[in-house]
N, C-alpha and C. Protein backbone atom coordinates (compact mmCIF):
# COMPACT_ATOMS: atom_id res chain seq x y z
N UNK A 1 24.97 -19.38 14.97
CA UNK A 1 24.03 -19.28 14.36
C UNK A 1 23.51 -17.95 14.16
N UNK A 2 23.20 -17.49 13.00
CA UNK A 2 23.22 -16.12 12.46
C UNK A 2 22.15 -15.60 13.24
N UNK A 3 21.06 -16.26 13.61
CA UNK A 3 19.65 -15.43 14.36
C UNK A 3 20.22 -15.26 16.06
N UNK A 4 20.79 -16.49 16.82
CA UNK A 4 21.20 -15.91 17.76
C UNK A 4 22.18 -14.88 17.82
N UNK A 5 23.16 -14.54 16.97
CA UNK A 5 24.14 -13.75 16.63
C UNK A 5 23.21 -12.27 16.50
N UNK A 6 21.96 -12.23 16.02
CA UNK A 6 21.76 -10.86 15.63
C UNK A 6 20.77 -9.92 16.83
N UNK A 7 20.49 -11.23 17.89
CA UNK A 7 19.85 -11.12 19.15
C UNK A 7 18.41 -10.46 18.87
N UNK A 8 17.79 -10.52 17.68
CA UNK A 8 16.13 -10.18 17.69
C UNK A 8 15.58 -12.09 17.50
N UNK A 9 14.65 -11.61 18.66
CA UNK A 9 13.49 -12.36 18.60
C UNK A 9 12.67 -13.36 18.17
N UNK A 10 12.70 -12.32 16.51
CA UNK A 10 12.10 -13.22 15.47
C UNK A 10 13.19 -12.61 14.19
N UNK A 11 13.56 -13.70 13.33
CA UNK A 11 13.82 -13.62 12.17
C UNK A 11 13.38 -14.34 11.28
N UNK A 12 13.44 -13.94 9.69
CA UNK A 12 12.76 -14.48 8.73
C UNK A 12 13.74 -14.63 7.82
N UNK A 13 13.65 -15.27 6.66
CA UNK A 13 14.29 -15.59 5.45
C UNK A 13 13.79 -15.37 4.45
N UNK A 14 14.67 -15.97 3.49
CA UNK A 14 13.98 -15.32 1.87
C UNK A 14 13.23 -16.81 1.41
N UNK A 15 12.63 -17.59 0.53
CA UNK A 15 12.08 -18.74 0.23
C UNK A 15 12.50 -18.47 -1.38
N UNK A 16 11.90 -20.00 -1.72
CA UNK A 16 11.48 -20.08 -2.97
C UNK A 16 9.91 -20.60 -3.19
N UNK A 17 9.63 -20.19 -4.23
CA UNK A 17 8.31 -20.67 -4.48
C UNK A 17 8.58 -21.67 -5.73
N UNK A 18 8.05 -23.29 -5.10
CA UNK A 18 8.32 -24.67 -6.35
C UNK A 18 7.02 -24.78 -6.37
N UNK A 19 6.75 -24.99 -7.69
CA UNK A 19 5.97 -24.63 -8.95
C UNK A 19 5.86 -26.19 -9.08
N UNK A 20 5.06 -27.59 -8.91
CA UNK A 20 4.72 -28.34 -9.25
C UNK A 20 3.35 -29.29 -10.37
N UNK A 21 4.12 -30.07 -10.54
CA UNK A 21 2.81 -30.28 -11.41
C UNK A 21 2.60 -32.13 -11.57
N UNK A 22 1.35 -32.29 -11.53
CA UNK A 22 0.94 -33.60 -10.55
C UNK A 22 0.79 -34.52 -12.25
N UNK A 23 1.58 -35.77 -11.56
CA UNK A 23 2.11 -36.57 -13.02
C UNK A 23 0.76 -37.97 -12.79
N UNK A 24 0.91 -38.41 -14.19
CA UNK A 24 -0.30 -39.53 -14.18
C UNK A 24 0.00 -40.35 -13.35
N UNK A 25 1.18 -40.51 -12.70
CA UNK A 25 1.45 -41.61 -11.88
C UNK A 25 0.95 -41.36 -9.95
N UNK A 26 0.17 -40.33 -9.99
CA UNK A 26 0.28 -39.42 -8.62
C UNK A 26 1.53 -38.46 -8.13
N UNK A 27 2.54 -38.94 -8.72
CA UNK A 27 3.47 -37.87 -7.94
C UNK A 27 3.44 -36.78 -8.27
N UNK A 28 4.29 -35.50 -7.88
CA UNK A 28 4.78 -34.48 -8.31
C UNK A 28 6.15 -34.42 -8.95
N UNK A 29 6.20 -33.02 -9.61
CA UNK A 29 6.94 -32.89 -10.34
C UNK A 29 7.38 -31.35 -10.36
N UNK A 30 8.59 -31.31 -9.98
CA UNK A 30 8.89 -29.88 -9.72
C UNK A 30 9.20 -29.15 -11.29
N UNK A 31 8.67 -27.98 -12.00
CA UNK A 31 8.36 -27.82 -12.84
C UNK A 31 9.05 -26.41 -13.16
N UNK A 32 9.14 -25.53 -12.27
CA UNK A 32 10.27 -24.04 -11.91
C UNK A 32 10.14 -24.23 -10.24
N UNK A 33 10.62 -23.30 -9.89
CA UNK A 33 11.31 -22.41 -9.10
C UNK A 33 11.80 -21.08 -9.06
N UNK A 34 11.12 -20.21 -7.91
CA UNK A 34 10.97 -18.67 -8.60
C UNK A 34 11.50 -17.82 -6.92
N UNK A 35 11.82 -16.92 -6.69
CA UNK A 35 12.24 -16.47 -5.37
C UNK A 35 10.67 -15.52 -5.05
N UNK A 36 10.27 -16.52 -3.85
CA UNK A 36 9.04 -15.96 -3.37
C UNK A 36 9.39 -14.14 -3.22
N UNK A 37 8.00 -13.66 -3.29
CA UNK A 37 8.25 -11.78 -2.74
C UNK A 37 8.91 -11.44 -1.44
N UNK A 38 9.58 -10.73 -1.92
CA UNK A 38 10.35 -10.33 -0.40
C UNK A 38 9.49 -9.69 0.77
N UNK A 39 9.27 -10.68 1.79
CA UNK A 39 8.81 -9.82 2.50
C UNK A 39 9.12 -8.38 2.85
N UNK A 40 9.22 -7.61 3.23
CA UNK A 40 9.64 -5.87 3.44
C UNK A 40 9.77 -5.68 5.41
N UNK A 41 9.26 -6.58 6.14
CA UNK A 41 9.64 -6.66 7.51
C UNK A 41 8.55 -5.57 8.17
N UNK A 42 7.49 -4.67 7.41
CA UNK A 42 6.88 -3.90 8.47
C UNK A 42 5.29 -4.66 8.78
N UNK A 43 4.91 -3.96 9.63
CA UNK A 43 3.69 -4.31 10.11
C UNK A 43 2.50 -4.37 9.10
N UNK A 44 2.70 -3.33 8.18
CA UNK A 44 2.15 -3.10 6.82
C UNK A 44 1.80 -3.67 5.93
N UNK A 45 2.98 -4.93 5.75
CA UNK A 45 3.14 -5.56 5.42
C UNK A 45 3.06 -6.99 5.20
N UNK A 46 3.00 -7.12 6.61
CA UNK A 46 2.39 -8.59 7.44
C UNK A 46 1.02 -8.80 6.96
N UNK A 47 -0.10 -7.43 6.82
CA UNK A 47 -1.11 -7.94 6.31
C UNK A 47 -1.56 -7.99 5.13
N UNK A 48 -0.51 -6.92 4.15
CA UNK A 48 -1.16 -6.09 3.01
C UNK A 48 -1.01 -7.91 2.02
N UNK A 49 0.36 -8.42 1.72
CA UNK A 49 -0.10 -9.13 0.61
C UNK A 49 -0.14 -10.72 1.21
N UNK A 50 0.83 -11.00 2.72
CA UNK A 50 0.97 -12.16 2.87
C UNK A 50 1.81 -12.99 2.61
N UNK A 51 3.31 -12.25 2.75
CA UNK A 51 4.30 -12.84 2.18
C UNK A 51 5.58 -13.12 2.98
N UNK A 52 4.86 -13.56 4.04
CA UNK A 52 5.76 -13.68 4.89
C UNK A 52 4.87 -15.60 5.49
N UNK A 53 6.03 -16.49 5.14
CA UNK A 53 5.39 -18.03 5.52
C UNK A 53 5.88 -18.16 6.36
N UNK A 54 5.33 -19.30 7.19
CA UNK A 54 5.92 -20.12 8.20
C UNK A 54 6.89 -20.77 8.10
N UNK A 55 7.00 -21.16 6.76
CA UNK A 55 8.49 -21.82 6.63
C UNK A 55 9.78 -20.97 6.45
N UNK A 56 9.27 -19.40 6.58
CA UNK A 56 10.40 -18.25 6.24
C UNK A 56 11.01 -17.93 7.87
N UNK A 57 10.02 -18.33 9.19
CA UNK A 57 10.14 -17.51 10.21
C UNK A 57 10.64 -18.32 11.31
N UNK A 58 11.58 -17.91 12.28
CA UNK A 58 12.20 -18.69 13.28
C UNK A 58 12.08 -17.52 14.24
N UNK A 59 11.50 -17.88 15.34
CA UNK A 59 11.10 -17.18 16.63
C UNK A 59 11.88 -17.50 18.21
N UNK A 60 11.79 -16.94 19.18
CA UNK A 60 12.25 -17.60 19.98
C UNK A 60 11.04 -17.80 21.18
N UNK A 61 11.38 -18.65 21.81
CA UNK A 61 10.55 -19.11 22.59
C UNK A 61 9.33 -18.09 23.46
N UNK A 62 10.19 -17.07 23.80
CA UNK A 62 9.82 -16.09 24.70
C UNK A 62 8.47 -15.58 23.74
N UNK A 63 8.66 -15.50 22.77
CA UNK A 63 7.28 -14.53 21.69
C UNK A 63 5.89 -15.62 22.07
N UNK A 64 5.93 -16.99 22.19
CA UNK A 64 4.27 -17.79 21.96
C UNK A 64 4.47 -17.85 23.66
N UNK A 65 5.76 -17.98 24.52
CA UNK A 65 5.04 -18.05 26.28
C UNK A 65 4.31 -16.36 26.32
N UNK A 66 4.79 -15.59 25.88
CA UNK A 66 4.51 -14.09 26.20
C UNK A 66 2.97 -13.76 25.36
N UNK A 67 2.65 -13.99 24.23
CA UNK A 67 1.69 -13.99 23.43
C UNK A 67 0.93 -15.03 22.54
N UNK A 68 1.12 -16.45 22.70
CA UNK A 68 0.59 -16.89 22.70
C UNK A 68 0.88 -17.93 21.15
N UNK A 69 -0.03 -18.87 20.92
CA UNK A 69 0.65 -19.72 19.80
C UNK A 69 -0.32 -19.72 18.78
N UNK A 70 -0.38 -20.54 17.95
CA UNK A 70 -1.97 -20.59 17.05
C UNK A 70 -3.09 -20.52 17.30
N UNK A 71 -3.66 -19.57 16.61
CA UNK A 71 -5.38 -19.72 17.50
C UNK A 71 -5.84 -20.56 16.57
N UNK A 72 -6.37 -22.06 17.46
CA UNK A 72 -6.51 -22.87 17.01
C UNK A 72 -8.17 -22.75 16.22
N UNK A 73 -9.06 -21.66 16.43
CA UNK A 73 -10.35 -21.50 16.40
C UNK A 73 -10.41 -21.27 15.03
N UNK A 74 -8.97 -20.64 14.04
CA UNK A 74 -9.14 -20.24 12.60
C UNK A 74 -9.05 -21.18 11.77
N UNK A 75 -10.05 -21.24 10.98
CA UNK A 75 -9.65 -22.31 9.80
C UNK A 75 -8.54 -22.45 9.31
N UNK A 76 -7.74 -21.44 8.83
CA UNK A 76 -6.56 -21.01 8.34
C UNK A 76 -5.72 -20.04 8.82
N UNK A 77 -4.71 -19.51 7.88
CA UNK A 77 -3.87 -17.88 8.62
C UNK A 77 -3.19 -18.08 10.27
N UNK A 78 -3.39 -19.65 10.37
CA UNK A 78 -2.98 -19.59 12.00
C UNK A 78 -1.80 -18.76 11.82
N UNK A 79 -0.68 -19.04 11.12
CA UNK A 79 0.55 -17.83 11.25
C UNK A 79 0.59 -16.81 11.16
N UNK A 80 -0.16 -16.59 10.25
CA UNK A 80 -0.47 -14.98 10.04
C UNK A 80 -1.30 -14.07 11.35
N UNK A 81 -2.43 -14.85 11.73
CA UNK A 81 -2.42 -14.31 13.21
C UNK A 81 -1.68 -13.96 13.85
N UNK A 82 -1.09 -15.31 14.38
CA UNK A 82 0.30 -15.23 15.39
C UNK A 82 1.18 -13.74 14.88
N UNK A 83 1.65 -14.30 13.92
CA UNK A 83 2.52 -13.05 13.62
C UNK A 83 1.90 -11.62 13.79
N UNK A 84 0.60 -11.43 13.51
CA UNK A 84 -0.14 -10.06 14.14
C UNK A 84 0.23 -10.16 15.11
N UNK A 85 -0.13 -10.95 15.97
CA UNK A 85 0.41 -10.44 17.56
C UNK A 85 2.08 -10.27 17.92
N UNK A 86 2.34 -11.22 17.00
CA UNK A 86 3.75 -10.68 17.57
C UNK A 86 4.16 -9.45 16.97
N UNK A 87 4.15 -8.86 16.11
CA UNK A 87 4.25 -7.97 15.34
C UNK A 87 3.39 -6.40 16.79
N UNK A 88 3.20 -6.94 17.55
CA UNK A 88 2.75 -5.74 17.94
C UNK A 88 3.93 -5.29 19.14
N UNK A 89 4.72 -6.44 19.25
CA UNK A 89 5.94 -6.48 20.82
C UNK A 89 7.04 -6.81 19.82
N UNK A 90 6.95 -6.95 18.91
CA UNK A 90 8.87 -7.78 18.29
C UNK A 90 8.43 -6.88 16.96
N UNK A 91 10.09 -6.81 16.40
CA UNK A 91 10.47 -6.12 15.49
C UNK A 91 10.90 -7.57 14.27
N UNK A 92 10.54 -8.17 13.22
CA UNK A 92 11.04 -8.76 12.58
C UNK A 92 12.34 -8.19 11.68
N UNK A 93 12.74 -9.51 12.03
CA UNK A 93 14.99 -9.09 11.04
C UNK A 93 14.97 -10.16 10.30
N UNK A 94 15.56 -9.32 8.69
CA UNK A 94 15.31 -10.45 7.49
C UNK A 94 17.22 -10.82 7.47
N UNK A 95 17.24 -11.92 7.60
CA UNK A 95 18.23 -12.69 7.40
C UNK A 95 18.95 -12.61 5.89
N UNK A 96 19.65 -12.52 5.31
CA UNK A 96 20.24 -12.61 4.07
C UNK A 96 19.92 -14.31 3.84
N UNK A 97 19.33 -14.61 2.18
CA UNK A 97 19.74 -15.93 1.89
C UNK A 97 18.09 -16.61 1.90
N UNK A 98 18.16 -17.84 1.15
CA UNK A 98 17.00 -18.20 0.93
C UNK A 98 17.22 -19.55 1.91
N UNK A 99 16.25 -20.02 2.54
CA UNK A 99 16.15 -21.06 3.86
C UNK A 99 15.43 -22.11 4.17
N UNK A 100 14.21 -21.75 2.96
CA UNK A 100 12.84 -22.28 2.72
C UNK A 100 12.30 -22.34 1.59
N UNK A 101 11.70 -22.97 1.11
CA UNK A 101 10.44 -22.99 -0.01
C UNK A 101 9.34 -23.88 0.13
N UNK A 102 8.47 -24.00 -0.50
CA UNK A 102 6.90 -23.75 -0.29
C UNK A 102 6.84 -24.06 -1.60
N UNK A 103 5.31 -25.09 -1.61
CA UNK A 103 5.39 -25.77 -3.23
C UNK A 103 3.48 -25.49 -3.57
N UNK A 104 3.84 -24.61 -4.79
CA UNK A 104 2.20 -24.64 -5.54
C UNK A 104 1.92 -25.29 -6.25
N UNK A 105 1.18 -26.30 -6.58
CA UNK A 105 0.97 -27.41 -7.52
C UNK A 105 -0.87 -26.61 -8.11
N UNK A 106 -0.23 -27.25 -9.58
CA UNK A 106 -1.11 -27.01 -10.26
C UNK A 106 -2.61 -27.67 -10.59
N UNK A 107 -2.07 -28.60 -9.94
CA UNK A 107 -3.91 -28.97 -9.56
C UNK A 107 -4.55 -28.82 -8.31
N UNK A 108 -4.37 -27.17 -7.62
CA UNK A 108 -5.02 -27.08 -6.88
C UNK A 108 -5.50 -27.82 -5.81
N UNK A 109 -4.37 -28.16 -4.96
CA UNK A 109 -4.63 -29.31 -3.75
C UNK A 109 -3.62 -28.67 -2.59
N UNK A 110 -3.24 -27.66 -2.90
CA UNK A 110 -2.26 -26.80 -1.56
C UNK A 110 -4.04 -26.19 -0.82
N UNK A 111 -3.78 -25.77 0.34
CA UNK A 111 -4.38 -25.20 1.06
C UNK A 111 -4.59 -23.78 0.48
N UNK A 112 -3.79 -23.41 -0.11
CA UNK A 112 -4.31 -21.90 -0.43
C UNK A 112 -5.30 -21.92 -1.78
N UNK A 113 -5.10 -23.05 -2.33
CA UNK A 113 -5.73 -22.80 -4.05
C UNK A 113 -7.39 -23.61 -3.30
N UNK A 114 -6.79 -24.44 -2.69
CA UNK A 114 -8.39 -25.41 -2.03
C UNK A 114 -9.27 -24.86 -1.34
N UNK A 115 -8.44 -24.07 -0.74
CA UNK A 115 -9.53 -23.51 0.80
C UNK A 115 -9.73 -21.68 0.29
N UNK A 116 -9.97 -21.33 -1.37
CA UNK A 116 -9.58 -19.81 -1.35
C UNK A 116 -11.01 -19.07 -0.30
N UNK A 117 -11.68 -20.04 -0.20
CA UNK A 117 -13.29 -19.09 0.45
C UNK A 117 -12.52 -18.55 1.59
N UNK A 118 -12.34 -19.99 2.37
CA UNK A 118 -11.93 -19.46 3.67
C UNK A 118 -10.89 -18.54 4.22
N UNK A 119 -9.70 -18.20 3.50
CA UNK A 119 -8.85 -18.03 3.12
C UNK A 119 -9.26 -16.11 3.41
N UNK A 120 -10.16 -15.96 2.08
CA UNK A 120 -10.33 -14.64 2.11
C UNK A 120 -11.68 -13.91 3.31
N UNK A 121 -12.19 -15.24 3.98
CA UNK A 121 -12.90 -15.09 5.25
C UNK A 121 -11.92 -14.68 5.88
N UNK A 122 -11.08 -15.56 6.47
CA UNK A 122 -10.31 -15.51 7.65
C UNK A 122 -9.70 -14.16 7.60
N UNK A 123 -9.10 -13.78 6.53
CA UNK A 123 -8.41 -12.65 6.18
C UNK A 123 -9.09 -11.42 6.55
N UNK A 124 -10.31 -11.69 5.96
CA UNK A 124 -10.97 -10.26 6.77
C UNK A 124 -11.02 -10.31 7.94
N UNK A 125 -11.26 -11.30 8.81
CA UNK A 125 -11.40 -11.50 10.43
C UNK A 125 -10.41 -10.69 10.90
N UNK A 126 -9.33 -11.03 10.15
CA UNK A 126 -7.91 -10.35 10.64
C UNK A 126 -7.56 -9.18 10.63
N UNK A 127 -8.08 -9.20 9.03
CA UNK A 127 -7.80 -7.17 9.29
C UNK A 127 -8.44 -6.43 10.11
N UNK A 128 -9.68 -6.96 10.66
CA UNK A 128 -10.62 -6.26 11.65
C UNK A 128 -9.88 -6.47 12.77
N UNK A 129 -9.58 -7.33 13.47
CA UNK A 129 -9.23 -7.75 14.55
C UNK A 129 -7.57 -7.19 14.73
N UNK A 130 -6.82 -6.48 13.56
CA UNK A 130 -5.49 -6.21 13.57
C UNK A 130 -5.14 -4.85 13.20
N UNK A 131 -6.13 -4.41 12.95
CA UNK A 131 -6.18 -2.73 12.10
C UNK A 131 -5.81 -1.97 13.06
N UNK A 132 -5.91 -1.99 14.47
CA UNK A 132 -5.02 -1.12 15.14
C UNK A 132 -3.43 -1.34 15.39
N UNK A 133 -3.15 -2.36 14.77
CA UNK A 133 -1.34 -2.67 14.74
C UNK A 133 -0.76 -1.37 13.58
N UNK A 134 -1.71 -1.97 12.28
CA UNK A 134 -1.58 -1.14 10.97
C UNK A 134 -1.72 0.08 10.79
N UNK A 135 -2.66 0.66 11.47
CA UNK A 135 -3.60 2.09 11.23
C UNK A 135 -2.09 2.90 11.94
N UNK A 136 -1.12 3.17 12.51
CA UNK A 136 -0.46 3.91 12.72
C UNK A 136 0.42 3.89 11.56
N UNK A 137 0.78 3.18 11.09
CA UNK A 137 1.85 2.97 10.27
C UNK A 137 1.47 3.42 8.56
N UNK A 138 0.13 3.14 8.95
CA UNK A 138 -0.86 3.39 7.45
C UNK A 138 -0.69 5.29 7.63
N UNK A 139 -1.02 5.39 8.55
CA UNK A 139 -1.19 6.97 8.25
C UNK A 139 0.12 7.62 7.91
N UNK A 140 0.91 6.95 9.28
CA UNK A 140 2.88 7.73 8.71
C UNK A 140 2.94 7.26 6.89
N UNK A 141 2.51 6.13 6.39
CA UNK A 141 2.66 6.26 5.20
C UNK A 141 1.85 7.27 3.95
N UNK A 142 0.90 7.53 4.79
CA UNK A 142 -0.17 8.16 4.03
C UNK A 142 0.52 9.58 4.15
N UNK A 143 0.50 10.17 5.18
CA UNK A 143 1.42 11.40 5.47
C UNK A 143 2.45 11.72 4.81
N UNK A 144 3.39 10.50 4.88
CA UNK A 144 4.75 10.83 4.17
C UNK A 144 4.22 11.11 2.48
N UNK A 145 3.21 10.25 1.96
CA UNK A 145 2.89 10.21 0.17
C UNK A 145 2.55 12.13 -0.30
N UNK A 146 1.43 12.22 1.35
CA UNK A 146 1.11 13.51 0.82
C UNK A 146 2.38 14.87 0.71
N UNK A 147 3.58 14.76 2.22
CA UNK A 147 4.61 15.09 1.57
C UNK A 147 5.37 15.23 -0.05
N UNK A 148 5.44 14.30 -0.40
CA UNK A 148 5.85 13.40 -1.26
C UNK A 148 5.10 14.10 -2.54
N UNK A 149 3.69 13.99 -2.64
CA UNK A 149 2.97 14.87 -3.90
C UNK A 149 3.08 16.25 -3.48
N UNK A 150 3.16 16.98 -2.44
CA UNK A 150 3.07 18.15 -2.54
C UNK A 150 4.57 18.83 -3.07
N UNK A 151 5.97 18.15 -3.02
CA UNK A 151 6.96 18.26 -3.30
C UNK A 151 6.80 18.01 -5.30
N UNK A 152 6.40 16.94 -5.72
CA UNK A 152 6.28 16.55 -7.10
C UNK A 152 5.27 17.57 -7.53
N UNK A 153 4.27 18.00 -6.95
CA UNK A 153 3.81 19.25 -7.75
C UNK A 153 4.17 20.84 -7.87
N UNK A 154 5.36 20.91 -6.59
CA UNK A 154 5.57 22.37 -6.76
C UNK A 154 6.91 22.26 -7.96
N UNK A 155 7.44 20.96 -8.25
CA UNK A 155 8.54 20.57 -8.83
C UNK A 155 7.82 20.94 -10.62
N UNK A 156 6.73 20.51 -10.38
CA UNK A 156 5.65 20.32 -11.92
C UNK A 156 5.12 21.93 -12.36
N UNK A 157 5.00 22.59 -11.48
CA UNK A 157 4.57 23.89 -11.33
C UNK A 157 6.00 24.78 -11.57
N UNK A 158 7.47 24.66 -11.50
CA UNK A 158 8.30 25.07 -11.67
C UNK A 158 8.64 24.59 -12.97
N UNK A 159 8.90 23.53 -13.39
CA UNK A 159 9.19 22.94 -14.53
C UNK A 159 7.95 23.49 -15.48
N UNK A 160 6.93 23.68 -15.35
CA UNK A 160 5.38 24.36 -16.06
C UNK A 160 6.33 25.81 -16.37
N UNK A 161 6.63 26.68 -15.63
CA UNK A 161 6.96 27.92 -15.81
C UNK A 161 7.91 27.97 -16.49
N UNK A 162 9.32 27.58 -16.27
CA UNK A 162 10.38 27.15 -17.33
C UNK A 162 10.12 27.10 -18.98
N UNK A 163 8.96 25.93 -19.11
CA UNK A 163 8.67 25.88 -20.16
C UNK A 163 7.85 27.04 -20.86
N UNK A 164 6.94 27.84 -20.22
CA UNK A 164 5.87 28.90 -20.55
C UNK A 164 7.16 30.47 -20.55
N UNK A 165 8.03 30.15 -20.11
CA UNK A 165 9.18 31.18 -19.90
C UNK A 165 9.78 31.08 -21.65
N UNK A 166 10.28 29.98 -21.67
CA UNK A 166 11.04 29.24 -22.95
C UNK A 166 10.04 29.99 -24.34
N UNK A 167 8.80 29.49 -23.95
CA UNK A 167 7.50 29.31 -25.12
C UNK A 167 7.85 31.19 -25.24
N UNK A 168 7.41 31.72 -24.38
CA UNK A 168 7.24 33.44 -24.59
C UNK A 168 8.50 34.38 -25.15
N UNK A 169 9.97 33.21 -24.54
CA UNK A 169 10.84 34.21 -25.45
C UNK A 169 11.33 33.32 -26.75
N UNK A 170 10.82 32.40 -27.15
CA UNK A 170 11.05 32.04 -28.67
C UNK A 170 9.85 32.12 -29.62
N UNK A 171 8.61 33.31 -29.03
CA UNK A 171 7.46 33.50 -30.09
C UNK A 171 7.91 34.25 -30.91
């Protein structure tokens, strides 16, 4: 198995988003299937958009033995909270390919669409609870961005000098 071969304690794959419509019979029919956004595997990405879904993840039992399973006091996002704890001690390793799918129904009967308030409130709780995990990575991103902006500014100034020189020469 690919997961064992990697030696990582947490692996994940890509998934499809399966869009469904409800028929008059009450059954659901798939109307489209698109790749879900790819989870980037970083701590900040875990909290930014929530692109990592439970059906995409395989973890070693050691993870829950050490850090616990679902927080059953939460109304929703128990998987995200658990992944937040896992992210403190483990790296998430991406395996190539699509191995999962999750459904989005046009009648708002999915938990994500039917429980929008609960998701927003719980996400705010989790952001506060796990800010310490994300902050070092976020600060690194800000520092890297500042360096990149300084380099771009220097390049723009150099190009402006070339343009001025050209204009002066051709007046």
